[in-house]
N, C-alpha and C. Protein backbone atom coordinates (compact mmCIF):
# COMPACT_ATOMS: atom_id res chain seq x y z
N GLY A 1 -135.19 107.53 -39.03
CA GLY A 1 -135.25 106.91 -37.73
C GLY A 1 -133.89 106.53 -37.22
N ARG A 2 -133.87 105.90 -36.06
CA ARG A 2 -132.60 105.48 -35.46
C ARG A 2 -132.24 104.08 -35.95
N ALA A 3 -130.96 103.78 -35.86
CA ALA A 3 -130.49 102.48 -36.30
C ALA A 3 -129.37 102.04 -35.39
N LEU A 4 -129.14 100.73 -35.34
CA LEU A 4 -128.04 100.15 -34.56
C LEU A 4 -126.98 99.70 -35.53
N LEU A 5 -125.75 100.12 -35.31
CA LEU A 5 -124.62 99.71 -36.15
C LEU A 5 -123.65 98.94 -35.28
N CYS A 6 -123.21 97.79 -35.78
CA CYS A 6 -122.20 96.99 -35.10
C CYS A 6 -120.86 97.39 -35.67
N ALA A 7 -120.06 98.12 -34.88
CA ALA A 7 -118.78 98.62 -35.35
C ALA A 7 -117.73 97.53 -35.18
N SER A 8 -117.04 97.17 -36.23
CA SER A 8 -116.01 96.16 -36.16
C SER A 8 -114.80 96.66 -36.90
N ALA A 9 -113.58 96.38 -36.36
CA ALA A 9 -112.36 96.78 -37.05
C ALA A 9 -112.17 95.95 -38.31
N ALA A 10 -112.74 94.73 -38.34
CA ALA A 10 -112.55 93.88 -39.50
C ALA A 10 -113.52 94.24 -40.62
N ARG A 11 -114.77 94.63 -40.31
CA ARG A 11 -115.75 94.94 -41.33
C ARG A 11 -116.36 96.29 -41.01
N PRO A 12 -115.84 97.40 -41.55
CA PRO A 12 -116.44 98.70 -41.32
C PRO A 12 -117.82 98.76 -41.98
N ALA A 13 -118.73 99.56 -41.42
CA ALA A 13 -120.07 99.69 -42.00
C ALA A 13 -119.96 100.16 -43.44
N GLN A 14 -120.81 99.63 -44.32
CA GLN A 14 -120.71 99.94 -45.73
C GLN A 14 -121.23 101.34 -46.04
N ALA A 15 -122.22 101.82 -45.28
CA ALA A 15 -122.85 103.09 -45.62
C ALA A 15 -121.98 104.25 -45.15
N GLY A 16 -121.37 104.95 -46.09
CA GLY A 16 -120.66 106.18 -45.77
C GLY A 16 -119.38 106.01 -45.01
N VAL A 17 -118.82 104.81 -44.91
CA VAL A 17 -117.57 104.60 -44.17
C VAL A 17 -116.52 104.08 -45.15
N ARG A 18 -115.40 104.73 -45.25
CA ARG A 18 -114.33 104.33 -46.16
C ARG A 18 -113.32 103.52 -45.40
N ARG A 19 -112.69 102.59 -46.13
CA ARG A 19 -111.62 101.81 -45.52
C ARG A 19 -110.40 102.70 -45.27
N PRO A 20 -109.65 102.41 -44.21
CA PRO A 20 -108.46 103.22 -43.93
C PRO A 20 -107.47 103.16 -45.08
N LEU A 21 -106.81 104.30 -45.33
CA LEU A 21 -105.85 104.37 -46.44
C LEU A 21 -104.69 103.40 -46.24
N ILE A 22 -104.29 103.22 -44.97
CA ILE A 22 -103.16 102.34 -44.69
C ILE A 22 -103.52 100.90 -45.02
N GLU A 23 -104.82 100.59 -44.95
CA GLU A 23 -105.26 99.24 -45.24
C GLU A 23 -105.22 98.97 -46.73
N ARG A 24 -105.45 100.01 -47.55
CA ARG A 24 -105.49 99.82 -48.99
C ARG A 24 -104.10 99.94 -49.62
N SER A 25 -103.24 100.73 -49.00
CA SER A 25 -101.95 101.03 -49.63
C SER A 25 -100.88 100.00 -49.34
N VAL A 26 -100.91 99.37 -48.18
CA VAL A 26 -99.85 98.45 -47.78
C VAL A 26 -100.34 97.04 -47.99
N PRO A 27 -99.74 96.26 -48.90
CA PRO A 27 -100.20 94.88 -49.13
C PRO A 27 -99.92 94.01 -47.93
N GLY A 28 -100.88 93.13 -47.62
CA GLY A 28 -100.72 92.19 -46.52
C GLY A 28 -101.07 92.75 -45.16
N LEU A 29 -101.32 94.09 -45.09
CA LEU A 29 -101.63 94.69 -43.81
C LEU A 29 -103.08 94.52 -43.44
N GLU A 30 -103.92 94.26 -44.44
CA GLU A 30 -105.35 94.13 -44.19
C GLU A 30 -105.60 92.96 -43.26
N ARG A 31 -104.87 91.88 -43.44
CA ARG A 31 -105.07 90.71 -42.59
C ARG A 31 -104.66 91.01 -41.14
N ASP A 32 -103.51 91.71 -40.96
CA ASP A 32 -103.09 92.05 -39.62
C ASP A 32 -104.08 92.99 -38.96
N PHE A 33 -104.63 93.89 -39.76
CA PHE A 33 -105.58 94.87 -39.23
C PHE A 33 -106.85 94.19 -38.76
N SER A 34 -107.26 93.13 -39.50
CA SER A 34 -108.51 92.46 -39.17
C SER A 34 -108.39 91.57 -37.95
N LEU A 35 -107.15 91.27 -37.52
CA LEU A 35 -106.97 90.41 -36.35
C LEU A 35 -107.32 91.12 -35.06
N CYS A 36 -107.26 92.46 -35.06
CA CYS A 36 -107.51 93.25 -33.86
C CYS A 36 -108.97 93.72 -33.87
N GLN A 37 -109.88 92.85 -33.54
CA GLN A 37 -111.29 93.18 -33.60
C GLN A 37 -111.75 93.76 -32.27
N GLN A 38 -112.50 94.81 -32.35
CA GLN A 38 -113.08 95.43 -31.17
C GLN A 38 -114.54 95.78 -31.50
N ARG A 39 -115.45 94.93 -31.16
CA ARG A 39 -116.84 95.07 -31.53
C ARG A 39 -117.58 95.85 -30.46
N SER A 40 -118.42 96.75 -30.92
CA SER A 40 -119.29 97.49 -30.04
C SER A 40 -120.51 97.94 -30.83
N THR A 41 -121.54 98.40 -30.15
CA THR A 41 -122.77 98.81 -30.78
C THR A 41 -123.00 100.28 -30.54
N VAL A 42 -123.34 101.00 -31.58
CA VAL A 42 -123.64 102.44 -31.47
C VAL A 42 -125.06 102.68 -32.01
N VAL A 43 -125.72 103.65 -31.43
CA VAL A 43 -127.06 104.05 -31.90
C VAL A 43 -126.89 105.36 -32.66
N VAL A 44 -127.32 105.34 -33.94
CA VAL A 44 -127.19 106.52 -34.80
C VAL A 44 -128.56 106.90 -35.35
N GLU A 45 -128.63 108.11 -35.86
CA GLU A 45 -129.87 108.64 -36.44
C GLU A 45 -129.52 109.40 -37.72
N ARG A 46 -130.34 109.24 -38.73
CA ARG A 46 -130.07 109.94 -39.99
C ARG A 46 -130.21 111.46 -39.76
N TRP A 47 -129.25 112.16 -40.36
CA TRP A 47 -129.29 113.62 -40.23
C TRP A 47 -130.44 114.20 -41.05
N TRP A 48 -130.67 113.63 -42.23
CA TRP A 48 -131.77 114.05 -43.11
C TRP A 48 -132.80 112.95 -43.17
N LYS A 49 -134.05 113.29 -42.93
CA LYS A 49 -135.10 112.30 -42.96
C LYS A 49 -135.37 111.85 -44.39
N VAL A 50 -135.67 110.54 -44.53
CA VAL A 50 -135.96 109.97 -45.86
C VAL A 50 -137.43 110.22 -46.17
N PRO A 51 -137.73 110.82 -47.33
CA PRO A 51 -139.14 111.06 -47.68
C PRO A 51 -139.87 109.74 -47.95
N LEU A 52 -141.16 109.77 -47.72
CA LEU A 52 -141.96 108.57 -47.94
C LEU A 52 -142.02 108.26 -49.44
N ALA A 53 -141.95 106.94 -49.74
CA ALA A 53 -142.04 106.52 -51.12
C ALA A 53 -143.47 106.11 -51.45
N GLY A 54 -143.71 105.99 -52.73
CA GLY A 54 -145.02 105.56 -53.15
C GLY A 54 -145.35 104.16 -52.72
N GLU A 55 -146.61 103.79 -52.75
CA GLU A 55 -147.01 102.47 -52.30
C GLU A 55 -146.40 101.41 -53.20
N GLY A 56 -145.73 100.44 -52.55
CA GLY A 56 -145.08 99.38 -53.30
C GLY A 56 -143.72 99.71 -53.83
N ARG A 57 -143.22 100.90 -53.55
CA ARG A 57 -141.90 101.32 -54.02
C ARG A 57 -140.96 101.48 -52.84
N LYS A 58 -139.66 101.28 -53.13
CA LYS A 58 -138.64 101.49 -52.12
C LYS A 58 -138.28 102.97 -52.04
N PRO A 59 -137.96 103.45 -50.85
CA PRO A 59 -137.57 104.89 -50.73
C PRO A 59 -136.26 105.14 -51.48
N ARG A 60 -136.20 106.28 -52.10
CA ARG A 60 -135.00 106.67 -52.89
C ARG A 60 -134.04 107.41 -51.96
N LEU A 61 -132.84 106.82 -51.81
CA LEU A 61 -131.85 107.38 -50.92
C LEU A 61 -130.81 108.18 -51.70
N HIS A 62 -130.54 109.38 -51.22
CA HIS A 62 -129.48 110.22 -51.79
C HIS A 62 -128.26 110.16 -50.86
N ARG A 63 -127.20 110.84 -51.25
CA ARG A 63 -125.99 110.84 -50.46
C ARG A 63 -126.22 111.43 -49.07
N ARG A 64 -127.05 112.45 -49.03
CA ARG A 64 -127.28 113.10 -47.72
C ARG A 64 -127.97 112.17 -46.74
N HIS A 65 -128.67 111.16 -47.26
CA HIS A 65 -129.33 110.22 -46.37
C HIS A 65 -128.37 109.21 -45.76
N ARG A 66 -127.12 109.20 -46.19
CA ARG A 66 -126.10 108.33 -45.62
C ARG A 66 -125.26 109.05 -44.57
N VAL A 67 -125.68 110.23 -44.21
CA VAL A 67 -125.00 111.00 -43.16
C VAL A 67 -125.76 110.73 -41.84
N TYR A 68 -125.01 110.26 -40.83
CA TYR A 68 -125.61 109.91 -39.55
C TYR A 68 -125.04 110.79 -38.43
N LYS A 69 -125.82 110.92 -37.40
CA LYS A 69 -125.31 111.58 -36.17
C LYS A 69 -125.39 110.57 -35.04
N LEU A 70 -124.38 110.63 -34.20
CA LEU A 70 -124.28 109.67 -33.09
C LEU A 70 -125.26 110.01 -31.99
N VAL A 71 -126.04 109.02 -31.58
CA VAL A 71 -126.99 109.19 -30.50
C VAL A 71 -126.42 108.59 -29.19
N GLU A 72 -125.86 107.39 -29.29
CA GLU A 72 -125.32 106.75 -28.09
C GLU A 72 -124.30 105.70 -28.49
N ASP A 73 -123.24 105.62 -27.72
CA ASP A 73 -122.23 104.57 -27.87
C ASP A 73 -122.36 103.64 -26.67
N THR A 74 -122.76 102.40 -26.93
CA THR A 74 -123.10 101.50 -25.83
C THR A 74 -121.91 101.09 -24.98
N LYS A 75 -120.69 101.28 -25.50
CA LYS A 75 -119.52 100.87 -24.71
C LYS A 75 -119.30 101.81 -23.52
N HIS A 76 -119.97 102.99 -23.54
CA HIS A 76 -119.83 103.91 -22.43
C HIS A 76 -120.91 103.70 -21.37
N ARG A 77 -121.81 102.73 -21.58
CA ARG A 77 -122.81 102.45 -20.57
C ARG A 77 -122.16 101.86 -19.33
N PRO A 78 -122.70 102.14 -18.15
CA PRO A 78 -122.11 101.54 -16.93
C PRO A 78 -122.26 100.04 -16.97
N LYS A 79 -121.20 99.33 -16.63
CA LYS A 79 -121.19 97.89 -16.66
C LYS A 79 -121.44 97.33 -15.25
N ASP A 80 -122.24 96.29 -15.20
CA ASP A 80 -122.50 95.63 -13.92
C ASP A 80 -121.30 94.82 -13.47
N LYS A 81 -121.13 94.69 -12.16
CA LYS A 81 -120.02 93.89 -11.62
C LYS A 81 -120.31 92.40 -11.86
N LEU A 82 -119.28 91.69 -12.23
CA LEU A 82 -119.39 90.26 -12.44
C LEU A 82 -119.26 89.52 -11.10
N GLN A 83 -120.14 88.60 -10.86
CA GLN A 83 -120.08 87.77 -9.66
C GLN A 83 -119.80 86.33 -10.06
N LEU A 84 -118.86 85.72 -9.35
CA LEU A 84 -118.43 84.38 -9.69
C LEU A 84 -118.76 83.41 -8.58
N ILE A 85 -119.22 82.23 -8.93
CA ILE A 85 -119.42 81.14 -8.00
C ILE A 85 -118.38 80.07 -8.33
N LEU A 86 -117.55 79.72 -7.35
CA LEU A 86 -116.47 78.76 -7.59
C LEU A 86 -117.02 77.38 -7.86
N THR A 87 -116.44 76.71 -8.82
CA THR A 87 -116.76 75.32 -9.12
C THR A 87 -115.63 74.37 -8.74
N GLN A 88 -114.51 74.91 -8.31
CA GLN A 88 -113.40 74.09 -7.84
C GLN A 88 -112.66 74.84 -6.78
N SER A 89 -111.85 74.10 -6.03
CA SER A 89 -111.13 74.70 -4.89
C SER A 89 -110.10 75.69 -5.35
N VAL A 90 -110.03 76.82 -4.67
CA VAL A 90 -109.05 77.88 -4.93
C VAL A 90 -108.41 78.23 -3.60
N GLU A 91 -107.17 78.68 -3.68
CA GLU A 91 -106.43 79.00 -2.46
C GLU A 91 -107.18 80.04 -1.61
N LEU A 92 -107.38 79.73 -0.34
CA LEU A 92 -108.04 80.61 0.62
C LEU A 92 -109.51 80.86 0.29
N ARG A 93 -110.12 80.04 -0.54
CA ARG A 93 -111.53 80.18 -0.86
C ARG A 93 -112.24 78.86 -0.63
N GLN A 94 -113.56 78.88 -0.64
CA GLN A 94 -114.35 77.67 -0.42
C GLN A 94 -115.22 77.39 -1.63
N GLU A 95 -115.34 76.14 -1.98
CA GLU A 95 -116.09 75.74 -3.15
C GLU A 95 -117.57 75.99 -2.94
N GLY A 96 -118.24 76.49 -4.01
CA GLY A 96 -119.68 76.71 -4.00
C GLY A 96 -120.12 78.00 -3.37
N LYS A 97 -119.19 78.84 -2.88
CA LYS A 97 -119.57 80.09 -2.27
C LYS A 97 -119.22 81.25 -3.19
N LEU A 98 -120.02 82.31 -3.07
CA LEU A 98 -119.79 83.51 -3.86
C LEU A 98 -118.64 84.30 -3.27
N GLU A 99 -117.53 84.38 -4.01
CA GLU A 99 -116.34 85.00 -3.51
C GLU A 99 -115.75 85.98 -4.52
N ARG A 100 -115.07 86.97 -4.04
CA ARG A 100 -114.32 87.85 -4.91
C ARG A 100 -112.89 87.31 -5.04
N ILE A 101 -112.42 87.17 -6.25
CA ILE A 101 -111.13 86.55 -6.50
C ILE A 101 -110.16 87.65 -6.95
N GLN A 102 -108.92 87.58 -6.44
CA GLN A 102 -107.89 88.50 -6.81
C GLN A 102 -107.51 88.30 -8.28
N THR A 103 -107.27 89.38 -9.00
CA THR A 103 -106.89 89.30 -10.40
C THR A 103 -105.44 88.81 -10.53
N LYS A 104 -105.06 88.39 -11.75
CA LYS A 104 -103.68 87.97 -11.98
C LYS A 104 -102.71 89.10 -11.70
N ALA A 105 -103.04 90.31 -12.19
CA ALA A 105 -102.16 91.44 -11.91
C ALA A 105 -102.10 91.73 -10.42
N GLY A 106 -103.21 91.57 -9.71
CA GLY A 106 -103.22 91.77 -8.29
C GLY A 106 -102.35 90.75 -7.56
N GLU A 107 -102.38 89.50 -8.02
CA GLU A 107 -101.53 88.46 -7.40
C GLU A 107 -100.04 88.79 -7.59
N VAL A 108 -99.70 89.27 -8.78
CA VAL A 108 -98.31 89.65 -9.03
C VAL A 108 -97.91 90.83 -8.14
N THR A 109 -98.82 91.78 -8.01
CA THR A 109 -98.54 92.96 -7.16
C THR A 109 -98.35 92.57 -5.70
N VAL A 110 -99.20 91.67 -5.22
CA VAL A 110 -99.07 91.22 -3.82
C VAL A 110 -97.74 90.50 -3.61
N LYS A 111 -97.39 89.65 -4.55
CA LYS A 111 -96.10 88.93 -4.43
C LYS A 111 -94.92 89.89 -4.45
N PHE A 112 -95.00 90.93 -5.28
CA PHE A 112 -93.90 91.90 -5.35
C PHE A 112 -93.82 92.72 -4.06
N LEU A 113 -94.96 93.14 -3.52
CA LEU A 113 -94.94 93.95 -2.32
C LEU A 113 -94.39 93.20 -1.11
N ARG A 114 -94.59 91.90 -1.09
CA ARG A 114 -94.08 91.10 0.04
C ARG A 114 -92.56 91.08 0.11
N SER A 115 -91.92 91.37 -1.01
CA SER A 115 -90.45 91.36 -1.04
C SER A 115 -89.87 92.76 -1.06
N CYS A 116 -90.71 93.76 -0.85
CA CYS A 116 -90.26 95.16 -0.97
C CYS A 116 -89.93 95.77 0.40
N HIS A 117 -89.09 96.79 0.35
CA HIS A 117 -88.79 97.63 1.51
C HIS A 117 -88.83 99.08 1.03
N LEU A 118 -89.70 99.86 1.61
CA LEU A 118 -89.90 101.25 1.15
C LEU A 118 -89.04 102.20 1.97
N GLU A 119 -88.41 103.14 1.24
CA GLU A 119 -87.61 104.17 1.89
C GLU A 119 -88.23 105.52 1.59
N VAL A 120 -88.56 106.27 2.63
CA VAL A 120 -89.18 107.58 2.50
C VAL A 120 -88.23 108.62 3.01
N GLY A 121 -87.83 109.55 2.16
CA GLY A 121 -86.90 110.62 2.54
C GLY A 121 -87.63 111.88 2.95
N MET A 122 -87.39 112.37 4.15
CA MET A 122 -88.00 113.59 4.66
C MET A 122 -86.93 114.58 5.06
N LYS A 123 -87.19 115.86 4.83
CA LYS A 123 -86.22 116.91 5.12
C LYS A 123 -86.12 117.19 6.62
N ASN A 124 -85.02 117.84 7.01
CA ASN A 124 -84.79 118.15 8.42
C ASN A 124 -84.93 119.62 8.73
N ASN A 125 -85.25 120.45 7.73
CA ASN A 125 -85.34 121.90 7.99
C ASN A 125 -86.80 122.38 8.14
N VAL A 126 -87.76 121.47 8.07
CA VAL A 126 -89.16 121.83 8.25
C VAL A 126 -89.83 120.78 9.14
N LYS A 127 -90.93 121.16 9.78
CA LYS A 127 -91.71 120.21 10.58
C LYS A 127 -92.59 119.42 9.60
N TRP A 128 -92.68 118.14 9.82
CA TRP A 128 -93.46 117.32 8.92
C TRP A 128 -94.13 116.18 9.69
N GLU A 129 -95.16 115.64 9.10
CA GLU A 129 -95.85 114.47 9.60
C GLU A 129 -96.23 113.60 8.42
N LEU A 130 -95.82 112.34 8.46
CA LEU A 130 -96.04 111.43 7.35
C LEU A 130 -97.53 111.14 7.19
N ASN A 131 -98.01 111.16 5.94
CA ASN A 131 -99.41 110.86 5.64
C ASN A 131 -99.49 109.93 4.43
N PRO A 132 -100.66 109.35 4.16
CA PRO A 132 -100.75 108.40 3.04
C PRO A 132 -100.38 108.98 1.68
N GLU A 133 -100.65 110.29 1.48
CA GLU A 133 -100.30 110.89 0.18
C GLU A 133 -98.80 110.89 -0.05
N ILE A 134 -98.03 111.22 0.98
CA ILE A 134 -96.57 111.23 0.86
C ILE A 134 -96.04 109.81 0.60
N VAL A 135 -96.59 108.84 1.34
CA VAL A 135 -96.14 107.45 1.18
C VAL A 135 -96.49 106.94 -0.22
N ALA A 136 -97.67 107.31 -0.72
CA ALA A 136 -98.08 106.86 -2.07
C ALA A 136 -97.13 107.40 -3.13
N ARG A 137 -96.69 108.68 -2.97
CA ARG A 137 -95.75 109.24 -3.94
C ARG A 137 -94.41 108.49 -3.92
N HIS A 138 -93.96 108.11 -2.73
CA HIS A 138 -92.69 107.39 -2.62
C HIS A 138 -92.81 105.96 -3.14
N PHE A 139 -93.99 105.35 -3.03
CA PHE A 139 -94.19 104.03 -3.64
C PHE A 139 -93.95 104.10 -5.14
N PHE A 140 -94.50 105.12 -5.78
CA PHE A 140 -94.32 105.25 -7.22
C PHE A 140 -92.91 105.68 -7.59
N LYS A 141 -92.35 106.59 -6.79
CA LYS A 141 -91.02 107.13 -7.10
C LYS A 141 -89.92 106.09 -6.90
N ASN A 142 -89.97 105.32 -5.80
CA ASN A 142 -88.89 104.43 -5.46
C ASN A 142 -89.12 103.00 -5.93
N LEU A 143 -90.39 102.54 -5.96
CA LEU A 143 -90.68 101.15 -6.30
C LEU A 143 -91.42 100.99 -7.62
N GLY A 144 -91.91 102.10 -8.17
CA GLY A 144 -92.66 102.02 -9.43
C GLY A 144 -94.04 101.40 -9.29
N VAL A 145 -94.60 101.46 -8.10
CA VAL A 145 -95.94 100.89 -7.84
C VAL A 145 -96.92 102.03 -7.57
N VAL A 146 -98.02 102.02 -8.31
CA VAL A 146 -99.07 103.04 -8.12
C VAL A 146 -100.01 102.55 -7.02
N VAL A 147 -100.03 103.30 -5.92
CA VAL A 147 -100.88 102.96 -4.77
C VAL A 147 -101.75 104.15 -4.45
N ALA A 148 -103.05 103.90 -4.38
CA ALA A 148 -103.97 104.96 -4.00
C ALA A 148 -103.85 105.27 -2.51
N PRO A 149 -103.93 106.53 -2.12
CA PRO A 149 -103.77 106.86 -0.69
C PRO A 149 -104.80 106.15 0.19
N HIS A 150 -106.04 105.92 -0.33
CA HIS A 150 -107.04 105.27 0.51
C HIS A 150 -106.74 103.79 0.70
N ALA A 151 -105.80 103.22 -0.10
CA ALA A 151 -105.44 101.81 0.08
C ALA A 151 -104.28 101.64 1.03
N LEU A 152 -103.80 102.75 1.62
CA LEU A 152 -102.67 102.71 2.56
C LEU A 152 -103.16 102.88 4.00
N LYS A 153 -102.52 102.20 4.90
CA LYS A 153 -102.80 102.35 6.31
C LYS A 153 -101.47 102.47 7.06
N LEU A 154 -101.35 103.57 7.82
CA LEU A 154 -100.12 103.82 8.60
C LEU A 154 -100.40 103.55 10.08
N PRO A 155 -99.36 103.46 10.88
CA PRO A 155 -99.56 103.29 12.32
C PRO A 155 -100.40 104.42 12.93
N GLU A 156 -101.15 104.12 13.97
CA GLU A 156 -102.02 105.10 14.58
C GLU A 156 -101.26 106.28 15.14
N GLU A 157 -100.11 106.03 15.71
CA GLU A 157 -99.29 107.13 16.26
C GLU A 157 -98.69 107.94 15.11
N PRO A 158 -98.75 109.27 15.19
CA PRO A 158 -98.18 110.11 14.11
C PRO A 158 -96.71 109.86 13.92
N ILE A 159 -96.30 109.83 12.68
CA ILE A 159 -94.87 109.63 12.32
C ILE A 159 -94.28 111.01 12.06
N THR A 160 -93.46 111.50 12.97
CA THR A 160 -92.86 112.83 12.85
C THR A 160 -91.34 112.81 12.95
N ARG A 161 -90.75 111.63 13.02
CA ARG A 161 -89.30 111.55 13.12
C ARG A 161 -88.82 110.35 12.28
N TRP A 162 -87.50 110.33 12.07
CA TRP A 162 -86.91 109.25 11.27
C TRP A 162 -86.91 107.96 12.10
N GLY A 163 -86.95 106.86 11.37
CA GLY A 163 -86.91 105.57 12.04
C GLY A 163 -87.51 104.47 11.18
N GLU A 164 -87.69 103.30 11.80
CA GLU A 164 -88.23 102.14 11.11
C GLU A 164 -89.73 101.99 11.45
N TYR A 165 -90.55 101.90 10.41
CA TYR A 165 -91.98 101.80 10.59
C TYR A 165 -92.53 100.75 9.61
N TRP A 166 -93.82 100.77 9.43
CA TRP A 166 -94.48 99.85 8.47
C TRP A 166 -95.71 100.57 7.88
N CYS A 167 -96.21 100.03 6.80
CA CYS A 167 -97.47 100.51 6.21
C CYS A 167 -98.18 99.32 5.57
N ASP A 168 -99.50 99.29 5.69
CA ASP A 168 -100.33 98.25 5.11
C ASP A 168 -100.86 98.72 3.76
N VAL A 169 -100.70 97.87 2.74
CA VAL A 169 -101.21 98.15 1.42
C VAL A 169 -102.28 97.13 1.07
N THR A 170 -103.48 97.58 0.72
CA THR A 170 -104.58 96.70 0.34
C THR A 170 -104.70 96.73 -1.16
N VAL A 171 -104.60 95.56 -1.79
CA VAL A 171 -104.63 95.43 -3.24
C VAL A 171 -106.04 95.02 -3.68
N ASN A 172 -106.68 95.88 -4.45
CA ASN A 172 -108.02 95.63 -5.00
C ASN A 172 -109.05 95.33 -3.89
N GLY A 173 -108.80 95.85 -2.70
CA GLY A 173 -109.75 95.66 -1.63
C GLY A 173 -109.83 94.25 -1.07
N LEU A 174 -108.86 93.39 -1.44
CA LEU A 174 -108.90 91.99 -1.03
C LEU A 174 -107.73 91.61 -0.12
N ASP A 175 -106.52 91.66 -0.64
CA ASP A 175 -105.32 91.22 0.08
C ASP A 175 -104.56 92.42 0.64
N THR A 176 -104.14 92.28 1.89
CA THR A 176 -103.39 93.34 2.55
C THR A 176 -101.97 92.85 2.83
N VAL A 177 -101.01 93.67 2.45
CA VAL A 177 -99.59 93.35 2.63
C VAL A 177 -98.95 94.40 3.53
N ARG A 178 -98.21 93.96 4.53
CA ARG A 178 -97.48 94.90 5.41
C ARG A 178 -96.08 95.07 4.86
N VAL A 179 -95.76 96.30 4.46
CA VAL A 179 -94.47 96.61 3.86
C VAL A 179 -93.62 97.36 4.88
N PRO A 180 -92.42 96.88 5.19
CA PRO A 180 -91.53 97.62 6.07
C PRO A 180 -91.10 98.94 5.46
N MET A 181 -91.01 99.97 6.27
CA MET A 181 -90.77 101.31 5.75
C MET A 181 -89.73 102.02 6.61
N SER A 182 -88.73 102.58 5.96
CA SER A 182 -87.68 103.34 6.65
C SER A 182 -87.86 104.81 6.30
N VAL A 183 -88.03 105.64 7.32
CA VAL A 183 -88.11 107.09 7.13
C VAL A 183 -86.71 107.65 7.41
N VAL A 184 -86.06 108.20 6.38
CA VAL A 184 -84.66 108.62 6.48
C VAL A 184 -84.55 110.07 6.07
N LEU A 185 -83.36 110.63 6.24
CA LEU A 185 -83.08 111.99 5.83
C LEU A 185 -83.12 112.10 4.32
N PHE A 186 -83.83 113.10 3.85
CA PHE A 186 -83.96 113.30 2.40
C PHE A 186 -82.62 113.70 1.79
N GLU A 187 -82.28 113.07 0.68
CA GLU A 187 -81.08 113.38 -0.06
C GLU A 187 -81.42 113.55 -1.55
N LYS A 188 -80.76 114.50 -2.18
CA LYS A 188 -80.99 114.69 -3.60
C LYS A 188 -80.47 113.50 -4.40
N PRO A 189 -81.09 113.20 -5.53
CA PRO A 189 -80.61 112.06 -6.34
C PRO A 189 -79.13 112.14 -6.68
N LYS A 190 -78.64 113.35 -6.94
CA LYS A 190 -77.23 113.50 -7.29
C LYS A 190 -76.35 113.09 -6.11
N THR A 191 -76.76 113.46 -4.90
CA THR A 191 -76.00 113.09 -3.69
C THR A 191 -76.03 111.60 -3.48
N LYS A 192 -77.19 110.97 -3.72
CA LYS A 192 -77.29 109.52 -3.57
C LYS A 192 -76.36 108.80 -4.53
N ARG A 193 -76.35 109.25 -5.80
CA ARG A 193 -75.49 108.62 -6.79
C ARG A 193 -74.01 108.79 -6.42
N TYR A 194 -73.64 109.93 -5.87
CA TYR A 194 -72.25 110.17 -5.49
C TYR A 194 -71.85 109.24 -4.33
N LYS A 195 -72.72 109.10 -3.33
CA LYS A 195 -72.42 108.22 -2.22
C LYS A 195 -72.34 106.76 -2.68
N TYR A 196 -73.21 106.41 -3.62
CA TYR A 196 -73.16 105.04 -4.12
C TYR A 196 -71.85 104.80 -4.88
N TRP A 197 -71.39 105.80 -5.62
CA TRP A 197 -70.13 105.68 -6.35
C TRP A 197 -68.96 105.55 -5.37
N LEU A 198 -68.99 106.33 -4.29
CA LEU A 198 -67.92 106.25 -3.26
C LEU A 198 -67.92 104.86 -2.63
N ALA A 199 -69.09 104.31 -2.37
CA ALA A 199 -69.15 102.98 -1.77
C ALA A 199 -68.60 101.93 -2.72
N GLN A 200 -68.86 102.08 -4.01
CA GLN A 200 -68.33 101.14 -4.99
C GLN A 200 -66.81 101.22 -5.04
N GLN A 201 -66.27 102.45 -5.02
CA GLN A 201 -64.81 102.62 -5.07
C GLN A 201 -64.17 102.02 -3.82
N ALA A 202 -64.82 102.22 -2.68
CA ALA A 202 -64.25 101.65 -1.44
C ALA A 202 -64.28 100.12 -1.48
N ALA A 203 -65.35 99.56 -2.05
CA ALA A 203 -65.43 98.11 -2.14
C ALA A 203 -64.36 97.56 -3.06
N LYS A 204 -64.09 98.26 -4.17
CA LYS A 204 -63.08 97.81 -5.11
C LYS A 204 -61.68 97.85 -4.47
N SER A 205 -61.42 98.89 -3.67
CA SER A 205 -60.10 99.01 -3.04
C SER A 205 -59.88 97.93 -1.98
N MET A 206 -60.94 97.39 -1.43
CA MET A 206 -60.82 96.36 -0.40
C MET A 206 -60.57 94.97 -1.00
N VAL A 207 -60.85 94.80 -2.29
CA VAL A 207 -60.66 93.48 -2.91
C VAL A 207 -59.17 93.28 -3.18
N PRO A 208 -58.54 92.20 -2.65
CA PRO A 208 -57.10 92.01 -2.86
C PRO A 208 -56.81 91.61 -4.30
N THR A 209 -55.69 92.13 -4.84
CA THR A 209 -55.29 91.79 -6.18
C THR A 209 -54.53 90.48 -6.19
N ASP A 210 -54.23 89.95 -7.38
CA ASP A 210 -53.53 88.66 -7.52
C ASP A 210 -52.10 88.76 -6.96
N SER A 211 -51.45 89.92 -7.17
CA SER A 211 -50.08 90.07 -6.70
C SER A 211 -50.01 90.08 -5.17
N GLN A 212 -51.06 90.65 -4.53
CA GLN A 212 -51.06 90.72 -3.10
C GLN A 212 -51.33 89.35 -2.49
N THR A 213 -52.21 88.57 -3.13
CA THR A 213 -52.54 87.26 -2.58
C THR A 213 -51.40 86.28 -2.77
N SER A 214 -50.61 86.43 -3.83
CA SER A 214 -49.49 85.53 -4.06
C SER A 214 -48.31 85.97 -3.21
C-alpha cells in the first residue's frame, strides 16, 4: 500500500535510506548538517507487494519490500496565497483591514529605485522605438535590477529619439516608482572606459600642485 514519509535532513527515514558519507566521515559535521532542516511529506508506494501473513502473525519483510516508488511530493502542490489582517498600524495601511503588505526585499528595492537614474543607449544607424523589453534589459545591465517587462510603464508617446524621459516601475504589484531615464547614443563598454579615463586624467591635471600654490 501507500505510505507517508516525513523527509527531514536531521533524521533520514530508516527504511532503505543510508546516511550521507560526508556525515559519517567528517567528525562534528553531523551537528552542522542537522541544523539545516527542511521538512516535507512525500507519498510513496512499495514496489513489491507484501504477501499476507498467517492469522496472528506479522508479515515477513524482505529487502525488496523496502524498495519504494515515489507517488507524490507534497512540496510541489500549489500553495494558497496568505492573507493578513493587520493588528497594528502600518505605514500607508489601516488597522483591521485586509491589506497586501510589501515584502522586506520589495521595500529595499523601492528605496533603491527612488535614488536611481537609468541610462539607455540606442544606436544611430537604425530606426528604433523604445519598448519595455529594451528598458528591462538596461535595468539589469546598468543597475543590476531584474524588472519584468509587464511591471514597466513608459510614456504614451512613442520614444524614438534621444532625450530625457521617465519610466514607472511597479514592485510586486503594490508600489510604483517613477525612475528618470536618459536615452543616449549607444557606446561600446571599451569606449566608455576610455572616455572615463580621459576625464580622470583631465581632472588630475586641473588640480594644482603644492609648488604651484606656494
